[in-house]
C-alpha atoms as a PDB file:
ATOM      1  CA  MET A   1      30.126 -37.069  20.030  1.00  0.00           C
ATOM      2  CA  ARG A   2      31.236 -39.833  22.318  1.00  0.00           C
ATOM      3  CA  VAL A   3      32.253 -38.767  25.799  1.00  0.00           C
ATOM      4  CA  PHE A   4      35.321 -40.390  27.280  1.00  0.00           C
ATOM      5  CA  LEU A   5      35.938 -40.722  30.998  1.00  0.00           C
ATOM      6  CA  ILE A   6      39.248 -39.363  32.190  1.00  0.00           C
ATOM      7  CA  PHE A   7      41.481 -41.103  34.671  1.00  0.00           C
ATOM      8  CA  PHE A   8      44.462 -39.367  36.240  1.00  0.00           C
ATOM      9  CA  ILE A   9      47.983 -40.359  37.229  1.00  0.00           C
ATOM     10  CA  ALA A  10      49.620 -43.764  37.554  1.00  0.00           C
ATOM     11  CA  VAL A  11      46.743 -45.530  39.265  1.00  0.00           C
ATOM     12  CA  ASN A  12      45.144 -45.820  35.875  1.00  0.00           C
ATOM     13  CA  TYR A  13      48.152 -47.455  34.323  1.00  0.00           C
ATOM     14  CA  LEU A  14      47.844 -50.233  36.876  1.00  0.00           C
ATOM     15  CA  GLY A  15      44.370 -50.888  35.534  1.00  0.00           C
ATOM     16  CA  PHE A  16      45.739 -51.642  32.056  1.00  0.00           C
ATOM     17  CA  SER A  17      45.721 -55.442  31.912  1.00  0.00           C
ATOM     18  CA  GLN A  18      48.204 -57.286  29.740  1.00  0.00           C
ATOM     19  CA  ASP A  19      45.634 -59.152  27.653  1.00  0.00           C
ATOM     20  CA  LEU A  20      44.496 -56.023  25.793  1.00  0.00           C
ATOM     21  CA  GLU A  21      46.486 -54.213  23.131  1.00  0.00           C
ATOM     22  CA  GLU A  22      47.610 -50.742  24.207  1.00  0.00           C
ATOM     23  CA  LYS A  23      48.065 -47.698  22.002  1.00  0.00           C
ATOM     24  CA  TYR A  24      49.120 -44.152  22.851  1.00  0.00           C
ATOM     25  CA  PHE A  25      48.673 -40.886  20.976  1.00  0.00           C
ATOM     26  CA  ASN A  26      50.018 -37.340  21.324  1.00  0.00           C
ATOM     27  CA  ILE A  27      47.962 -34.133  21.084  1.00  0.00           C
ATOM     28  CA  ASN A  28      48.173 -34.324  17.267  1.00  0.00           C
ATOM     29  CA  LYS A  29      46.621 -37.824  17.340  1.00  0.00           C
ATOM     30  CA  GLU A  30      49.914 -39.360  16.199  1.00  0.00           C
ATOM     31  CA  GLU A  31      50.738 -42.748  17.687  1.00  0.00           C
ATOM     32  CA  ILE A  32      53.661 -42.710  20.117  1.00  0.00           C
ATOM     33  CA  SER A  33      55.301 -45.120  22.544  1.00  0.00           C
ATOM     34  CA  LYS A  34      54.067 -45.589  26.095  1.00  0.00           C
ATOM     35  CA  ARG A  35      57.345 -44.135  27.365  1.00  0.00           C
ATOM     36  CA  LYS A  36      57.023 -41.006  25.221  1.00  0.00           C
ATOM     37  CA  PHE A  37      53.392 -40.683  26.267  1.00  0.00           C
ATOM     38  CA  ARG A  38      54.400 -40.590  29.922  1.00  0.00           C
ATOM     39  CA  LYS A  39      57.237 -38.150  29.265  1.00  0.00           C
ATOM     40  CA  SER A  40      54.982 -35.861  27.222  1.00  0.00           C
ATOM     41  CA  LYS A  41      52.392 -35.431  29.953  1.00  0.00           C
ATOM     42  CA  ASP A  42      52.361 -31.830  31.133  1.00  0.00           C
ATOM     43  CA  TYR A  43      49.321 -30.847  33.164  1.00  0.00           C
ATOM     44  CA  ALA A  44      49.907 -27.183  32.372  1.00  0.00           C
ATOM     45  CA  VAL A  45      49.176 -27.769  28.683  1.00  0.00           C
ATOM     46  CA  ASN A  46      47.666 -31.245  28.267  1.00  0.00           C
ATOM     47  CA  VAL A  47      45.762 -33.948  30.114  1.00  0.00           C
ATOM     48  CA  PRO A  48      45.666 -37.721  29.567  1.00  0.00           C
ATOM     49  CA  VAL A  49      42.438 -39.405  28.531  1.00  0.00           C
ATOM     50  CA  PHE A  50      42.007 -43.182  28.633  1.00  0.00           C
ATOM     51  CA  TYR A  51      39.304 -45.332  27.095  1.00  0.00           C
ATOM     52  CA  GLN A  52      38.862 -48.896  25.935  1.00  0.00           C
ATOM     53  CA  ASN A  53      36.809 -51.393  23.973  1.00  0.00           C
ATOM     54  CA  ASP A  54      36.805 -55.192  24.066  1.00  0.00           C
ATOM     55  CA  SER A  55      40.186 -55.578  22.393  1.00  0.00           C
ATOM     56  CA  MET A  56      42.150 -52.384  23.015  1.00  0.00           C
ATOM     57  CA  ARG A  57      42.969 -49.721  25.570  1.00  0.00           C
ATOM     58  CA  VAL A  58      43.969 -46.298  24.316  1.00  0.00           C
ATOM     59  CA  GLY A  59      45.695 -43.367  25.997  1.00  0.00           C
ATOM     60  CA  MET A  60      45.444 -39.907  24.429  1.00  0.00           C
ATOM     61  CA  LEU A  61      46.954 -36.560  25.317  1.00  0.00           C
ATOM     62  CA  VAL A  62      44.448 -33.741  24.923  1.00  0.00           C
ATOM     63  CA  LYS A  63      45.237 -30.026  24.802  1.00  0.00           C
ATOM     64  CA  ARG A  64      43.712 -28.172  27.718  1.00  0.00           C
ATOM     65  CA  LYS A  65      43.309 -24.841  25.915  1.00  0.00           C
ATOM     66  CA  ASN A  66      41.486 -24.857  22.581  1.00  0.00           C
ATOM     67  CA  TYR A  67      40.334 -22.245  20.074  1.00  0.00           C
ATOM     68  CA  GLY A  68      37.390 -22.444  17.695  1.00  0.00           C
ATOM     69  CA  ILE A  69      34.593 -20.575  15.965  1.00  0.00           C
ATOM     70  CA  LEU A  70      30.890 -21.312  15.718  1.00  0.00           C
ATOM     71  CA  GLU A  71      29.072 -20.920  12.424  1.00  0.00           C
ATOM     72  CA  ARG A  72      26.537 -18.085  12.537  1.00  0.00           C
ATOM     73  CA  GLU A  73      23.491 -20.388  12.529  1.00  0.00           C
ATOM     74  CA  GLU A  74      25.120 -22.662  15.086  1.00  0.00           C
ATOM     75  CA  PHE A  75      25.851 -19.691  17.357  1.00  0.00           C
ATOM     76  CA  GLU A  76      22.272 -18.419  17.093  1.00  0.00           C
ATOM     77  CA  GLN A  77      20.915 -21.866  17.925  1.00  0.00           C
ATOM     78  CA  LEU A  78      23.212 -22.047  20.947  1.00  0.00           C
ATOM     79  CA  LYS A  79      21.998 -18.666  22.232  1.00  0.00           C
ATOM     80  CA  GLN A  80      18.386 -19.752  21.784  1.00  0.00           C
ATOM     81  CA  TYR A  81      19.120 -22.924  23.727  1.00  0.00           C
ATOM     82  CA  LEU A  82      20.853 -21.007  26.521  1.00  0.00           C
ATOM     83  CA  SER A  83      17.970 -18.529  26.666  1.00  0.00           C
ATOM     84  CA  LYS A  84      15.562 -21.417  27.079  1.00  0.00           C
ATOM     85  CA  LEU A  85      17.658 -22.916  29.888  1.00  0.00           C
ATOM     86  CA  THR A  86      18.194 -19.677  31.787  1.00  0.00           C
ATOM     87  CA  LYS A  87      14.912 -17.942  30.887  1.00  0.00           C
ATOM     88  CA  ARG A  88      16.735 -14.790  29.878  1.00  0.00           C
ATOM     89  CA  LYS A  89      17.653 -13.097  26.609  1.00  0.00           C
ATOM     90  CA  PHE A  90      21.296 -12.733  25.633  1.00  0.00           C
ATOM     91  CA  GLU A  91      22.502  -9.361  24.383  1.00  0.00           C
ATOM     92  CA  GLU A  92      24.254  -9.448  21.006  1.00  0.00           C
ATOM     93  CA  GLN A  93      27.387  -7.602  22.107  1.00  0.00           C
ATOM     94  CA  LYS A  94      28.074  -9.556  25.271  1.00  0.00           C
ATOM     95  CA  THR A  95      30.634 -12.303  25.752  1.00  0.00           C
ATOM     96  CA  ILE A  96      29.230 -15.597  27.012  1.00  0.00           C
ATOM     97  CA  LEU A  97      30.991 -17.465  29.814  1.00  0.00           C
ATOM     98  CA  ILE A  98      29.897 -21.026  30.536  1.00  0.00           C
ATOM     99  CA  ASN A  99      31.195 -22.892  33.571  1.00  0.00           C
ATOM    100  CA  TYR A 100      30.374 -26.528  32.836  1.00  0.00           C
ATOM    101  CA  LEU A 101      30.137 -29.127  35.589  1.00  0.00           C
ATOM    102  CA  SER A 102      30.861 -32.633  34.332  1.00  0.00           C
ATOM    103  CA  SER A 103      29.062 -35.800  35.394  1.00  0.00           C
ATOM    104  CA  THR A 104      31.917 -36.718  37.747  1.00  0.00           C
ATOM    105  CA  PRO A 105      32.477 -36.828  40.648  1.00  0.00           C
ATOM    106  CA  LYS A 106      29.090 -38.101  41.770  1.00  0.00           C
ATOM    107  CA  THR A 107      30.102 -38.120  45.438  1.00  0.00           C
ATOM    108  CA  PRO A 108      32.107 -35.572  47.467  1.00  0.00           C
ATOM    109  CA  TYR A 109      35.828 -35.973  47.952  1.00  0.00           C
ATOM    110  CA  PHE A 110      36.411 -33.625  50.865  1.00  0.00           C
ATOM    111  CA  GLY A 111      33.842 -32.421  53.365  1.00  0.00           C
ATOM    112  CA  LYS A 112      30.226 -31.511  52.792  1.00  0.00           C
ATOM    113  CA  LYS A 113      30.942 -28.811  50.205  1.00  0.00           C
ATOM    114  CA  SER A 114      33.468 -28.396  47.410  1.00  0.00           C
ATOM    115  CA  HIS A 115      36.500 -26.205  48.131  1.00  0.00           C
ATOM    116  CA  TRP A 116      37.117 -25.584  44.423  1.00  0.00           C
ATOM    117  CA  THR A 117      38.305 -21.971  44.143  1.00  0.00           C
ATOM    118  CA  ILE A 118      36.079 -21.053  41.196  1.00  0.00           C
ATOM    119  CA  LEU A 119      33.050 -21.665  43.434  1.00  0.00           C
ATOM    120  CA  ARG A 120      34.123 -19.297  46.194  1.00  0.00           C
ATOM    121  CA  LYS A 121      31.773 -16.383  46.724  1.00  0.00           C
ATOM    122  CA  GLU A 122      34.458 -13.721  46.336  1.00  0.00           C
ATOM    123  CA  ASN A 123      35.662 -15.218  43.045  1.00  0.00           C
ATOM    124  CA  ILE A 124      32.150 -15.448  41.646  1.00  0.00           C
ATOM    125  CA  GLU A 125      31.689 -11.774  42.505  1.00  0.00           C
ATOM    126  CA  LYS A 126      34.897 -10.878  40.627  1.00  0.00           C
ATOM    127  CA  ILE A 127      33.515 -12.458  37.477  1.00  0.00           C
ATOM    128  CA  THR A 128      30.037 -11.005  37.980  1.00  0.00           C
ATOM    129  CA  ARG A 129      31.506  -7.497  38.123  1.00  0.00           C
ATOM    130  CA  LEU A 130      33.050  -7.837  34.652  1.00  0.00           C
ATOM    131  CA  ASP A 131      31.369  -5.695  32.000  1.00  0.00           C
ATOM    132  CA  ASN A 132      29.639  -7.206  28.978  1.00  0.00           C
ATOM    133  CA  VAL A 133      29.736 -10.817  30.180  1.00  0.00           C
ATOM    134  CA  GLU A 134      26.777 -13.211  30.299  1.00  0.00           C
ATOM    135  CA  HIS A 135      27.736 -15.786  32.927  1.00  0.00           C
ATOM    136  CA  ILE A 136      26.049 -19.198  33.054  1.00  0.00           C
ATOM    137  CA  TRP A 137      26.632 -22.186  35.325  1.00  0.00           C
ATOM    138  CA  ILE A 138      25.649 -25.398  33.524  1.00  0.00           C
ATOM    139  CA  ASN A 139      25.734 -28.974  34.779  1.00  0.00           C
ATOM    140  CA  ASN A 140      25.802 -32.259  32.912  1.00  0.00           C
ATOM    141  CA  PRO A 141      22.421 -34.025  33.316  1.00  0.00           C
ATOM    142  CA  LYS A 142      24.157 -36.964  34.988  1.00  0.00           C
ATOM    143  CA  ASN A 143      25.509 -34.805  37.800  1.00  0.00           C
ATOM    144  CA  GLN A 144      22.779 -34.448  40.411  1.00  0.00           C
ATOM    145  CA  ASN A 145      25.187 -33.830  43.283  1.00  0.00           C
ATOM    146  CA  LEU A 146      24.674 -30.079  43.043  1.00  0.00           C
ATOM    147  CA  GLU A 147      24.431 -29.482  46.792  1.00  0.00           C
ATOM    148  CA  TYR A 148      28.133 -30.322  46.978  1.00  0.00           C
ATOM    149  CA  PHE A 149      28.786 -27.657  44.356  1.00  0.00           C
ATOM    150  CA  HIS A 150      27.024 -24.876  46.289  1.00  0.00           C
ATOM    151  CA  LYS A 151      23.592 -25.042  44.727  1.00  0.00           C
ATOM    152  CA  ASP A 152      22.430 -22.812  47.581  1.00  0.00           C
ATOM    153  CA  ARG A 153      24.167 -19.807  45.969  1.00  0.00           C
ATOM    154  CA  ILE A 154      24.945 -20.925  42.407  1.00  0.00           C
ATOM    155  CA  ASN A 155      22.126 -21.191  39.906  1.00  0.00           C
ATOM    156  CA  TRP A 156      23.058 -24.393  38.098  1.00  0.00           C
ATOM    157  CA  VAL A 157      21.009 -25.110  34.975  1.00  0.00           C
ATOM    158  CA  GLU A 158      20.972 -28.535  33.371  1.00  0.00           C
ATOM    159  CA  ASP A 159      22.349 -29.136  29.877  1.00  0.00           C
ATOM    160  CA  SER A 160      19.157 -31.072  29.210  1.00  0.00           C
ATOM    161  CA  SER A 161      19.772 -31.698  25.502  1.00  0.00           C
ATOM    162  CA  ARG A 162      23.552 -31.902  25.999  1.00  0.00           C
ATOM    163  CA  VAL A 163      24.092 -29.183  23.415  1.00  0.00           C
ATOM    164  CA  VAL A 164      26.927 -27.497  25.334  1.00  0.00           C
ATOM    165  CA  GLU A 165      28.648 -30.815  25.947  1.00  0.00           C
ATOM    166  CA  ARG A 166      28.400 -31.748  22.262  1.00  0.00           C
ATOM    167  CA  LEU A 167      29.738 -28.415  21.000  1.00  0.00           C
ATOM    168  CA  PHE A 168      32.641 -27.868  23.354  1.00  0.00           C
ATOM    169  CA  PHE A 169      33.405 -30.775  25.671  1.00  0.00           C
ATOM    170  CA  PRO A 170      33.932 -34.144  23.916  1.00  0.00           C
ATOM    171  CA  TYR A 171      35.856 -35.526  26.897  1.00  0.00           C
ATOM    172  CA  GLU A 172      34.783 -36.097  30.472  1.00  0.00           C
ATOM    173  CA  PHE A 173      36.977 -34.529  33.146  1.00  0.00           C
ATOM    174  CA  GLU A 174      36.655 -34.447  36.903  1.00  0.00           C
ATOM    175  CA  PHE A 175      34.843 -31.311  38.052  1.00  0.00           C
ATOM    176  CA  GLY A 176      34.484 -29.749  34.630  1.00  0.00           C
ATOM    177  CA  ASN A 177      35.545 -27.241  32.007  1.00  0.00           C
ATOM    178  CA  PHE A 178      34.717 -23.749  30.824  1.00  0.00           C
ATOM    179  CA  VAL A 179      34.299 -21.886  27.557  1.00  0.00           C
ATOM    180  CA  VAL A 180      34.356 -18.183  26.684  1.00  0.00           C
ATOM    181  CA  ILE A 181      32.523 -17.153  23.494  1.00  0.00           C
ATOM    182  CA  ASN A 182      32.880 -13.635  22.118  1.00  0.00           C
ATOM    183  CA  PRO A 183      30.068 -11.820  20.230  1.00  0.00           C
ATOM    184  CA  GLN A 184      31.461 -13.038  16.879  1.00  0.00           C
ATOM    185  CA  GLY A 185      31.158 -16.691  17.907  1.00  0.00           C
ATOM    186  CA  LYS A 186      34.895 -17.190  18.398  1.00  0.00           C
ATOM    187  CA  TYR A 187      35.663 -19.156  21.525  1.00  0.00           C
ATOM    188  CA  ILE A 188      38.327 -20.428  23.890  1.00  0.00           C
ATOM    189  CA  SER A 189      37.608 -23.619  25.805  1.00  0.00           C
ATOM    190  CA  TYR A 190      39.576 -25.156  28.652  1.00  0.00           C
ATOM    191  CA  PHE A 191      39.500 -28.732  29.908  1.00  0.00           C
ATOM    192  CA  ALA A 192      39.690 -29.917  33.538  1.00  0.00           C
ATOM    193  CA  GLU A 193      39.942 -28.047  36.832  1.00  0.00           C
ATOM    194  CA  TYR A 194      40.721 -24.319  36.699  1.00  0.00           C
ATOM    195  CA  GLY A 195      40.687 -21.163  38.793  1.00  0.00           C
ATOM    196  CA  PRO A 196      39.146 -17.676  38.484  1.00  0.00           C
ATOM    197  CA  GLU A 197      42.342 -16.057  37.213  1.00  0.00           C
ATOM    198  CA  LYS A 198      42.312 -18.230  34.098  1.00  0.00           C
ATOM    199  CA  VAL A 199      38.648 -17.462  33.442  1.00  0.00           C
ATOM    200  CA  ILE A 200      39.236 -13.710  33.659  1.00  0.00           C
ATOM    201  CA  ALA A 201      42.352 -13.941  31.465  1.00  0.00           C
ATOM    202  CA  PHE A 202      40.449 -15.858  28.775  1.00  0.00           C
ATOM    203  CA  ILE A 203      37.613 -13.329  28.805  1.00  0.00           C
ATOM    204  CA  LYS A 204      40.118 -10.544  28.146  1.00  0.00           C
ATOM    205  CA  GLU A 205      41.872 -12.604  25.464  1.00  0.00           C
ATOM    206  CA  SER A 206      38.581 -13.333  23.697  1.00  0.00           C
ATOM    207  CA  GLU A 207      38.088  -9.611  23.072  1.00  0.00           C
ATOM    208  CA  ASN A 208      41.003  -9.700  20.616  1.00  0.00           C
ATOM    209  CA  LEU A 209      40.209 -12.921  18.749  1.00  0.00           C
END
């Protein structure tokens, strides 16, 4: 699946030149006006994605929180892939949590290390203490700036075949996304930056899917 690079806020609108046709779509992939597109943006529930080809620029609103289910064979193949990456076996009755680091940013924004709350030691420990959760930190192969994302204490493993990206993350967001998959293969994914509270809430929600 093609990966689209996300651009935030009005700076990106300035980059839309007048010689290309522009189209805008809501979260249901219905075409809407540019004005309605801007009014419909709500970072709590959706994020804008922009992409272009030679003749057109397109803006899309994408839901941040998404539900899905993996087919049994697909789920088994995913677990085999994750086992290969992490060199550990996944227990059948455990929920899988994947924190996925996107290919952007390639350079730090602030300081020598990221201040993203999900990467704080105390927040990682909160998640680690949860029962019946297999926790994996996975990075996009294009992101080699892992020192910035605390490689010294986080065991990042590379999505070498881009299986995780293909299954759950068709769009490219700054920092990344996460997905929670329960033992039945039902999952909740979330796009763009997030904190530990949301991760823990989704893990609890997944138990009742």
